Amino acid sequence: MITHRILEDYSDDQFRLFAIHSNAEDYAMAFALNKALKLKLRRSVSDYDLNKLVSFPCFEWKDELQDLSWHLLCNTSITRESHNLGNLFPDEQAVNRHYLIPEFKDADYILRAEQGMQVQSGKLNNAILAIPHVITVYEIDTEILKSKENLIF
């Protein structure tokens, strides 16, 4: 019987992550990134499902010319649950907030780009910072990220 052992991390996907802090709506952020970075992000047919209960809005673009893919993901998702187990207010729904990357709860959006892209992060940061509703942007080090498996598509 042949046994296979996986010595490396199960994820060989190399990508770069940028945390974006902004008060803009997700469609407005995708439009602004398209304009600033010359991308063609579009709303995905289905949201990115982290599990059966939580999904995050996703915008994506596959650049066939450079063989790259870009994803803009909302970092937060809000779910509502009704609890009828002796609750003081039985008609009230509990609101739960879930994070795609819990280590960066303050980030509103996550821009995911493949590692193969040749753009320097400084130029990309400056282009994103030029967008009016963007407060700040910074690159996330994927090597120390604990929730990296949340971003593997």
Protein backbone atom coordinates (compact mmCIF):
# COMPACT_ATOMS: atom_id res chain seq x y z
CA MET A 1 0.00 0.00 0.00
CA ILE A 2 1.30 3.40 -0.96
CA THR A 3 1.12 6.22 1.57
CA HIS A 4 1.49 9.86 0.72
CA ARG A 5 2.72 12.44 3.15
CA ILE A 6 2.25 16.12 2.81
CA LEU A 7 5.34 17.86 4.10
CA GLU A 8 4.58 21.39 2.96
CA ASP A 9 1.65 23.51 3.91
CA TYR A 10 -1.47 22.35 2.07
CA SER A 11 -1.77 25.77 0.52
CA ASP A 12 0.74 26.61 -2.19
CA ASP A 13 -1.27 29.64 -3.22
CA GLN A 14 0.91 32.69 -3.04
CA PHE A 15 -1.04 35.90 -2.77
CA ARG A 16 -0.77 39.39 -1.38
CA LEU A 17 -3.35 40.95 0.88
CA PHE A 18 -4.15 44.60 1.39
CA ALA A 19 -6.38 45.82 4.21
CA ILE A 20 -8.50 48.81 3.25
CA HIS A 21 -10.22 51.05 5.80
CA SER A 22 -13.11 52.94 4.22
CA ASN A 23 -16.66 54.01 4.91
CA ALA A 24 -17.74 53.45 1.28
CA GLU A 25 -20.25 50.78 0.28
CA ASP A 26 -18.83 47.62 -1.31
CA TYR A 27 -20.02 48.44 -4.85
CA ALA A 28 -18.60 51.96 -4.58
CA MET A 29 -15.24 50.61 -3.36
CA ALA A 30 -15.10 48.15 -6.29
CA PHE A 31 -15.89 50.98 -8.72
CA ALA A 32 -13.23 53.24 -7.19
CA LEU A 33 -10.60 50.47 -7.27
CA ASN A 34 -11.46 49.76 -10.91
CA LYS A 35 -10.88 53.40 -11.74
CA ALA A 36 -7.73 53.87 -9.63
CA LEU A 37 -5.96 50.58 -10.45
CA LYS A 38 -7.35 49.98 -13.98
CA LEU A 39 -9.09 46.78 -12.83
CA LYS A 40 -12.37 45.27 -13.94
CA LEU A 41 -13.77 43.97 -10.67
CA ARG A 42 -17.34 42.67 -10.89
CA ARG A 43 -19.68 41.23 -8.29
CA SER A 44 -19.33 37.45 -8.12
CA VAL A 45 -22.33 35.34 -8.98
CA SER A 46 -22.27 33.96 -5.44
CA ASP A 47 -20.81 35.36 -2.26
CA TYR A 48 -17.72 33.82 -0.70
CA ASP A 49 -19.04 31.25 1.77
CA LEU A 50 -16.79 30.76 4.76
CA ASN A 51 -19.14 28.13 6.12
CA LYS A 52 -22.83 27.33 5.69
CA LEU A 53 -23.91 30.19 7.94
CA VAL A 54 -21.55 33.02 7.02
CA SER A 55 -20.90 34.52 3.59
CA PHE A 56 -19.00 37.62 2.50
CA PRO A 57 -19.71 39.82 -0.54
CA CYS A 58 -17.04 39.27 -3.18
CA PHE A 59 -15.93 41.14 -6.30
CA GLU A 60 -13.50 39.43 -8.66
CA TRP A 61 -11.60 39.86 -11.89
CA LYS A 62 -9.46 37.35 -13.71
CA ASP A 63 -6.86 39.14 -15.83
CA GLU A 64 -6.38 36.70 -18.70
CA LEU A 65 -3.61 38.79 -20.26
CA GLN A 66 -1.31 38.69 -17.20
CA ASP A 67 -2.79 35.46 -15.77
CA LEU A 68 -3.71 37.10 -12.46
CA SER A 69 -6.81 37.15 -10.34
CA TRP A 70 -8.00 39.92 -8.06
CA HIS A 71 -10.61 39.65 -5.32
CA LEU A 72 -12.19 42.37 -3.22
CA LEU A 73 -13.86 40.93 -0.13
CA CYS A 74 -15.78 42.60 2.65
CA ASN A 75 -14.11 41.77 5.95
CA THR A 76 -17.36 41.71 7.93
CA SER A 77 -20.59 39.79 7.63
CA ILE A 78 -23.65 40.29 9.80
CA THR A 79 -26.06 37.45 10.53
CA ARG A 80 -29.33 37.57 12.40
CA GLU A 81 -30.62 34.73 14.55
CA SER A 82 -33.80 34.42 16.54
CA HIS A 83 -33.52 32.81 19.95
CA ASN A 84 -36.72 31.73 21.65
CA LEU A 85 -35.21 29.98 24.66
CA GLY A 86 -36.71 31.94 27.53
CA ASN A 87 -35.64 35.27 26.12
CA LEU A 88 -36.93 38.43 27.74
CA PHE A 89 -37.69 39.80 24.27
CA PRO A 90 -38.86 36.82 22.17
CA ASP A 91 -39.41 38.82 18.97
CA GLU A 92 -35.92 40.35 18.97
CA GLN A 93 -33.24 38.86 16.76
CA ALA A 94 -29.64 38.46 17.87
CA VAL A 95 -27.17 40.19 15.58
CA ASN A 96 -23.79 38.49 15.14
CA ARG A 97 -20.79 40.03 13.42
CA HIS A 98 -18.30 37.69 11.75
CA TYR A 99 -14.88 38.58 10.34
CA LEU A 100 -13.09 37.08 7.38
CA ILE A 101 -9.75 37.96 8.99
CA PRO A 102 -10.34 38.24 12.75
CA GLU A 103 -6.82 39.59 13.35
CA PHE A 104 -7.73 42.73 11.39
CA LYS A 105 -11.22 43.55 12.66
CA ASP A 106 -10.79 47.24 11.87
CA ALA A 107 -10.28 46.63 8.14
CA ASP A 108 -13.44 47.07 6.09
CA TYR A 109 -12.19 45.40 2.90
CA ILE A 110 -9.53 42.90 1.90
CA LEU A 111 -7.97 43.15 -1.55
CA ARG A 112 -6.44 39.80 -2.54
CA ALA A 113 -4.02 39.64 -5.47
CA GLU A 114 -1.86 36.79 -6.69
CA GLN A 115 1.81 36.82 -5.78
CA GLY A 116 2.84 36.97 -9.43
CA MET A 117 1.85 40.58 -9.81
CA GLN A 118 4.72 42.91 -10.55
CA VAL A 119 3.25 46.05 -8.96
CA GLN A 120 5.18 47.34 -5.97
CA SER A 121 3.10 47.60 -2.82
CA GLY A 122 4.10 51.26 -2.34
CA LYS A 123 2.66 52.26 -5.71
CA LEU A 124 -0.45 50.21 -5.08
CA ASN A 125 -0.90 51.75 -1.62
CA ASN A 126 -0.54 55.28 -3.00
CA ALA A 127 -3.05 54.60 -5.78
CA ILE A 128 -5.59 53.24 -3.30
CA LEU A 129 -4.98 56.09 -0.84
CA ALA A 130 -5.83 58.55 -3.62
CA ILE A 131 -9.42 57.25 -3.55
CA PRO A 132 -11.53 59.86 -1.67
CA HIS A 133 -13.30 57.56 0.84
CA VAL A 134 -10.25 55.47 1.73
CA ILE A 135 -8.92 56.24 5.19
CA THR A 136 -5.86 54.00 5.12
CA VAL A 137 -4.46 50.94 3.36
CA TYR A 138 -1.63 48.58 4.28
CA GLU A 139 -0.27 45.22 3.21
CA ILE A 140 -0.94 42.23 5.44
CA ASP A 141 1.93 39.80 5.96
CA THR A 142 0.47 36.43 4.95
CA GLU A 143 3.28 34.48 6.64
CA ILE A 144 2.14 35.42 10.16
CA LEU A 145 -1.59 35.43 9.40
CA LYS A 146 -3.45 32.89 11.53
CA SER A 147 -6.62 32.85 9.43
CA LYS A 148 -4.91 32.34 6.07
CA GLU A 149 -7.10 29.32 5.32
CA ASN A 150 -10.13 31.67 5.15
CA LEU A 151 -8.65 33.18 1.98
CA ILE A 152 -7.97 30.03 0.00
CA PHE A 153 -10.48 29.76 -2.82
